[in-house]
Amino acid sequence: MKSPLITDELAKVAQRVIWVESSEEAVADPVQLVAYAMTYGTHEDMKVIRRYFSDDELREYLAQARSGIFDARSWAYWHLKLDRYPPPPLPTRVFR
């Protein structure tokens, strides 16, 4: 999992979609950043994300998504958009 260099435009997206962390922290965890952007980002946010991450990376991060971030609509949309339809069940939290 690569962490891209933080740029002004990527930092702005990170601030908008992950408001509880600094931009640097958000960009350091691309799985979480991509999941939040896919769920809460605008079309413009996703244009920025797609400049920094390839479709293969987006598929990989989608497969590693943590529970509690995606809603059903975003989950289905991004699986369809990235040629992974039908989508698997949404990630769930496991308590032990």
N, C-alpha and C. Protein backbone atom coordinates (compact mmCIF):
# COMPACT_ATOMS: atom_id res chain seq x y z
N MET A 1 0.85 -1.17 0.00
CA MET A 1 0.00 0.00 0.00
C MET A 1 0.90 1.23 0.00
N LYS A 2 0.76 2.01 -1.07
CA LYS A 2 1.60 3.21 -1.15
C LYS A 2 0.85 4.41 -0.59
N SER A 3 1.59 5.29 -0.01
CA SER A 3 1.02 6.54 0.48
C SER A 3 1.56 7.64 -0.43
N PRO A 4 0.68 8.33 -1.17
CA PRO A 4 1.17 9.33 -2.12
C PRO A 4 1.73 10.54 -1.39
N LEU A 5 2.56 11.28 -2.12
CA LEU A 5 3.05 12.54 -1.57
C LEU A 5 1.86 13.47 -1.41
N ILE A 6 1.84 14.18 -0.32
CA ILE A 6 0.70 15.07 -0.08
C ILE A 6 0.88 16.35 -0.91
N THR A 7 -0.14 16.69 -1.64
CA THR A 7 -0.17 17.92 -2.43
C THR A 7 -1.31 18.78 -1.88
N ASP A 8 -1.35 20.02 -2.30
CA ASP A 8 -2.42 20.91 -1.83
C ASP A 8 -3.79 20.36 -2.19
N GLU A 9 -3.95 19.87 -3.44
CA GLU A 9 -5.28 19.40 -3.83
C GLU A 9 -5.66 18.12 -3.10
N LEU A 10 -4.71 17.22 -2.86
CA LEU A 10 -5.01 16.00 -2.11
C LEU A 10 -5.29 16.33 -0.65
N ALA A 11 -4.57 17.30 -0.09
CA ALA A 11 -4.81 17.72 1.29
C ALA A 11 -6.21 18.30 1.45
N LYS A 12 -6.68 19.05 0.47
CA LYS A 12 -8.02 19.63 0.54
C LYS A 12 -9.09 18.54 0.52
N VAL A 13 -8.89 17.53 -0.32
CA VAL A 13 -9.84 16.42 -0.35
C VAL A 13 -9.82 15.70 1.00
N ALA A 14 -8.63 15.43 1.52
CA ALA A 14 -8.51 14.73 2.81
C ALA A 14 -9.20 15.51 3.92
N GLN A 15 -9.03 16.83 3.94
CA GLN A 15 -9.69 17.65 4.97
C GLN A 15 -11.21 17.58 4.86
N ARG A 16 -11.71 17.57 3.63
CA ARG A 16 -13.16 17.55 3.43
C ARG A 16 -13.79 16.22 3.83
N VAL A 17 -13.12 15.11 3.50
CA VAL A 17 -13.77 13.81 3.73
C VAL A 17 -13.38 13.16 5.05
N ILE A 18 -12.24 13.52 5.61
CA ILE A 18 -11.83 12.99 6.93
C ILE A 18 -11.50 14.19 7.81
N TRP A 19 -12.52 14.76 8.39
CA TRP A 19 -12.37 16.00 9.14
C TRP A 19 -11.84 15.78 10.55
N VAL A 20 -11.73 14.55 11.01
CA VAL A 20 -11.28 14.28 12.38
C VAL A 20 -9.77 14.06 12.47
N GLU A 21 -9.08 14.09 11.33
CA GLU A 21 -7.63 13.90 11.31
C GLU A 21 -6.98 15.04 10.53
N SER A 22 -5.70 15.21 10.73
CA SER A 22 -4.98 16.17 9.90
C SER A 22 -4.87 15.60 8.48
N SER A 23 -4.62 16.46 7.53
CA SER A 23 -4.46 16.01 6.14
C SER A 23 -3.33 15.00 6.02
N GLU A 24 -2.24 15.25 6.73
CA GLU A 24 -1.08 14.35 6.66
C GLU A 24 -1.45 12.95 7.17
N GLU A 25 -2.18 12.89 8.27
CA GLU A 25 -2.61 11.59 8.81
C GLU A 25 -3.55 10.89 7.84
N ALA A 26 -4.46 11.63 7.27
CA ALA A 26 -5.44 11.05 6.35
C ALA A 26 -4.77 10.49 5.10
N VAL A 27 -3.84 11.24 4.54
CA VAL A 27 -3.17 10.79 3.31
C VAL A 27 -2.23 9.61 3.60
N ALA A 28 -1.73 9.50 4.83
CA ALA A 28 -0.84 8.40 5.19
C ALA A 28 -1.56 7.06 5.21
N ASP A 29 -2.88 7.05 5.25
CA ASP A 29 -3.67 5.81 5.25
C ASP A 29 -4.56 5.81 4.01
N PRO A 30 -4.01 5.41 2.86
CA PRO A 30 -4.79 5.50 1.62
C PRO A 30 -6.04 4.64 1.60
N VAL A 31 -6.06 3.51 2.30
CA VAL A 31 -7.26 2.67 2.33
C VAL A 31 -8.41 3.46 2.95
N GLN A 32 -8.15 4.11 4.05
CA GLN A 32 -9.18 4.90 4.72
C GLN A 32 -9.54 6.14 3.91
N LEU A 33 -8.55 6.84 3.37
CA LEU A 33 -8.80 8.04 2.58
C LEU A 33 -9.68 7.73 1.38
N VAL A 34 -9.36 6.69 0.65
CA VAL A 34 -10.14 6.32 -0.53
C VAL A 34 -11.56 5.92 -0.13
N ALA A 35 -11.71 5.16 0.94
CA ALA A 35 -13.05 4.74 1.38
C ALA A 35 -13.91 5.96 1.74
N TYR A 36 -13.35 6.89 2.49
CA TYR A 36 -14.11 8.09 2.85
C TYR A 36 -14.42 8.94 1.62
N ALA A 37 -13.46 9.06 0.71
CA ALA A 37 -13.70 9.84 -0.50
C ALA A 37 -14.78 9.19 -1.36
N MET A 38 -14.76 7.87 -1.48
CA MET A 38 -15.78 7.17 -2.27
C MET A 38 -17.17 7.33 -1.65
N THR A 39 -17.24 7.47 -0.35
CA THR A 39 -18.52 7.58 0.34
C THR A 39 -18.99 9.02 0.47
N TYR A 40 -18.10 9.92 0.85
CA TYR A 40 -18.49 11.29 1.17
C TYR A 40 -17.98 12.35 0.19
N GLY A 41 -17.10 11.96 -0.71
CA GLY A 41 -16.50 12.93 -1.62
C GLY A 41 -17.43 13.36 -2.74
N THR A 42 -17.11 14.50 -3.29
CA THR A 42 -17.84 15.01 -4.46
C THR A 42 -17.21 14.44 -5.72
N HIS A 43 -17.85 14.72 -6.84
CA HIS A 43 -17.29 14.30 -8.13
C HIS A 43 -15.89 14.91 -8.31
N GLU A 44 -15.74 16.17 -7.93
CA GLU A 44 -14.44 16.84 -8.04
C GLU A 44 -13.40 16.18 -7.13
N ASP A 45 -13.80 15.80 -5.92
CA ASP A 45 -12.89 15.09 -5.01
C ASP A 45 -12.39 13.80 -5.65
N MET A 46 -13.31 13.07 -6.26
CA MET A 46 -12.93 11.79 -6.86
C MET A 46 -12.06 11.98 -8.10
N LYS A 47 -12.20 13.07 -8.80
CA LYS A 47 -11.30 13.35 -9.92
C LYS A 47 -9.87 13.52 -9.40
N VAL A 48 -9.73 14.16 -8.25
CA VAL A 48 -8.41 14.31 -7.64
C VAL A 48 -7.88 12.95 -7.20
N ILE A 49 -8.70 12.19 -6.49
CA ILE A 49 -8.28 10.85 -6.02
C ILE A 49 -7.83 10.00 -7.20
N ARG A 50 -8.57 10.04 -8.28
CA ARG A 50 -8.24 9.20 -9.43
C ARG A 50 -6.99 9.67 -10.17
N ARG A 51 -6.56 10.89 -9.95
CA ARG A 51 -5.28 11.34 -10.51
C ARG A 51 -4.10 10.73 -9.73
N TYR A 52 -4.32 10.45 -8.46
CA TYR A 52 -3.24 9.95 -7.62
C TYR A 52 -3.24 8.43 -7.44
N PHE A 53 -4.37 7.79 -7.68
CA PHE A 53 -4.47 6.34 -7.49
C PHE A 53 -5.00 5.70 -8.76
N SER A 54 -4.38 4.60 -9.16
CA SER A 54 -4.83 3.87 -10.34
C SER A 54 -6.11 3.09 -10.02
N ASP A 55 -6.80 2.63 -11.05
CA ASP A 55 -7.98 1.80 -10.82
C ASP A 55 -7.62 0.52 -10.07
N ASP A 56 -6.45 -0.05 -10.37
CA ASP A 56 -6.03 -1.26 -9.65
C ASP A 56 -5.85 -0.97 -8.16
N GLU A 57 -5.28 0.18 -7.83
CA GLU A 57 -5.12 0.55 -6.42
C GLU A 57 -6.49 0.79 -5.78
N LEU A 58 -7.39 1.44 -6.50
CA LEU A 58 -8.73 1.67 -5.95
C LEU A 58 -9.43 0.34 -5.68
N ARG A 59 -9.29 -0.62 -6.59
CA ARG A 59 -9.88 -1.96 -6.37
C ARG A 59 -9.28 -2.61 -5.13
N GLU A 60 -7.95 -2.51 -5.00
CA GLU A 60 -7.27 -3.10 -3.84
C GLU A 60 -7.77 -2.46 -2.54
N TYR A 61 -7.88 -1.14 -2.52
CA TYR A 61 -8.32 -0.44 -1.31
C TYR A 61 -9.79 -0.72 -1.01
N LEU A 62 -10.58 -0.88 -2.06
CA LEU A 62 -11.99 -1.23 -1.88
C LEU A 62 -12.09 -2.62 -1.24
N ALA A 63 -11.24 -3.54 -1.67
CA ALA A 63 -11.24 -4.89 -1.09
C ALA A 63 -10.79 -4.88 0.37
N GLN A 64 -10.00 -3.88 0.76
CA GLN A 64 -9.49 -3.79 2.14
C GLN A 64 -10.32 -2.86 3.01
N ALA A 65 -11.44 -2.38 2.51
CA ALA A 65 -12.24 -1.38 3.22
C ALA A 65 -12.63 -1.87 4.62
N ARG A 66 -12.59 -0.94 5.54
CA ARG A 66 -12.97 -1.23 6.93
C ARG A 66 -14.47 -1.05 7.11
N SER A 67 -14.99 -1.68 8.11
CA SER A 67 -16.44 -1.58 8.38
C SER A 67 -16.79 -0.18 8.87
N GLY A 68 -18.03 0.20 8.62
CA GLY A 68 -18.56 1.45 9.15
C GLY A 68 -18.31 2.69 8.32
N ILE A 69 -17.63 2.59 7.20
CA ILE A 69 -17.36 3.77 6.37
C ILE A 69 -18.34 3.84 5.20
N PHE A 70 -18.46 2.78 4.45
CA PHE A 70 -19.31 2.78 3.26
C PHE A 70 -20.78 2.63 3.60
N ASP A 71 -21.62 3.31 2.82
CA ASP A 71 -23.05 3.02 2.84
C ASP A 71 -23.32 2.08 1.66
N ALA A 72 -24.48 1.44 1.65
CA ALA A 72 -24.77 0.43 0.63
C ALA A 72 -24.73 1.01 -0.79
N ARG A 73 -25.22 2.21 -0.95
CA ARG A 73 -25.25 2.82 -2.29
C ARG A 73 -23.84 3.07 -2.83
N SER A 74 -22.97 3.66 -2.02
CA SER A 74 -21.60 3.93 -2.45
C SER A 74 -20.84 2.63 -2.70
N TRP A 75 -21.07 1.65 -1.85
CA TRP A 75 -20.42 0.35 -1.98
C TRP A 75 -20.78 -0.28 -3.33
N ALA A 76 -22.05 -0.30 -3.65
CA ALA A 76 -22.50 -0.89 -4.92
C ALA A 76 -21.97 -0.07 -6.11
N TYR A 77 -22.05 1.25 -6.02
CA TYR A 77 -21.62 2.11 -7.12
C TYR A 77 -20.15 1.89 -7.45
N TRP A 78 -19.28 1.91 -6.44
CA TRP A 78 -17.85 1.81 -6.73
C TRP A 78 -17.44 0.42 -7.18
N HIS A 79 -18.14 -0.60 -6.72
CA HIS A 79 -17.86 -1.93 -7.27
C HIS A 79 -18.25 -1.99 -8.74
N LEU A 80 -19.39 -1.43 -9.08
CA LEU A 80 -19.81 -1.39 -10.48
C LEU A 80 -18.83 -0.55 -11.31
N LYS A 81 -18.48 0.61 -10.83
CA LYS A 81 -17.58 1.53 -11.54
C LYS A 81 -16.21 0.90 -11.79
N LEU A 82 -15.76 0.06 -10.87
CA LEU A 82 -14.43 -0.55 -10.98
C LEU A 82 -14.50 -2.00 -11.47
N ASP A 83 -15.60 -2.34 -12.16
CA ASP A 83 -15.76 -3.67 -12.77
C ASP A 83 -15.68 -4.81 -11.77
N ARG A 84 -16.31 -4.64 -10.63
CA ARG A 84 -16.33 -5.70 -9.61
C ARG A 84 -17.76 -5.94 -9.16
N TYR A 85 -18.64 -6.14 -10.12
CA TYR A 85 -20.05 -6.31 -9.81
C TYR A 85 -20.45 -7.75 -10.05
N PRO A 86 -21.25 -8.35 -9.20
CA PRO A 86 -21.94 -7.79 -8.04
C PRO A 86 -20.97 -7.62 -6.87
N PRO A 87 -21.28 -6.65 -6.02
CA PRO A 87 -20.38 -6.39 -4.89
C PRO A 87 -20.54 -7.46 -3.82
N PRO A 88 -19.46 -7.71 -3.08
CA PRO A 88 -19.59 -8.58 -1.92
C PRO A 88 -20.39 -7.85 -0.83
N PRO A 89 -20.75 -8.53 0.23
CA PRO A 89 -21.44 -7.84 1.33
C PRO A 89 -20.56 -6.72 1.89
N LEU A 90 -21.21 -5.70 2.43
CA LEU A 90 -20.48 -4.61 3.08
C LEU A 90 -19.59 -5.18 4.19
N PRO A 91 -18.43 -4.58 4.42
CA PRO A 91 -17.59 -5.03 5.54
C PRO A 91 -18.35 -4.91 6.86
N THR A 92 -18.15 -5.88 7.71
CA THR A 92 -18.80 -5.85 9.02
C THR A 92 -17.74 -5.95 10.11
N ARG A 93 -18.08 -5.43 11.24
CA ARG A 93 -17.19 -5.49 12.39
C ARG A 93 -17.35 -6.85 13.07
N VAL A 94 -16.25 -7.43 13.45
CA VAL A 94 -16.28 -8.73 14.12
C VAL A 94 -15.85 -8.52 15.57
N PHE A 95 -16.69 -8.96 16.48
CA PHE A 95 -16.37 -8.87 17.91
C PHE A 95 -15.97 -10.25 18.40
N ARG A 96 -14.90 -10.28 19.16
CA ARG A 96 -14.42 -11.57 19.68
C ARG A 96 -14.44 -11.56 21.18
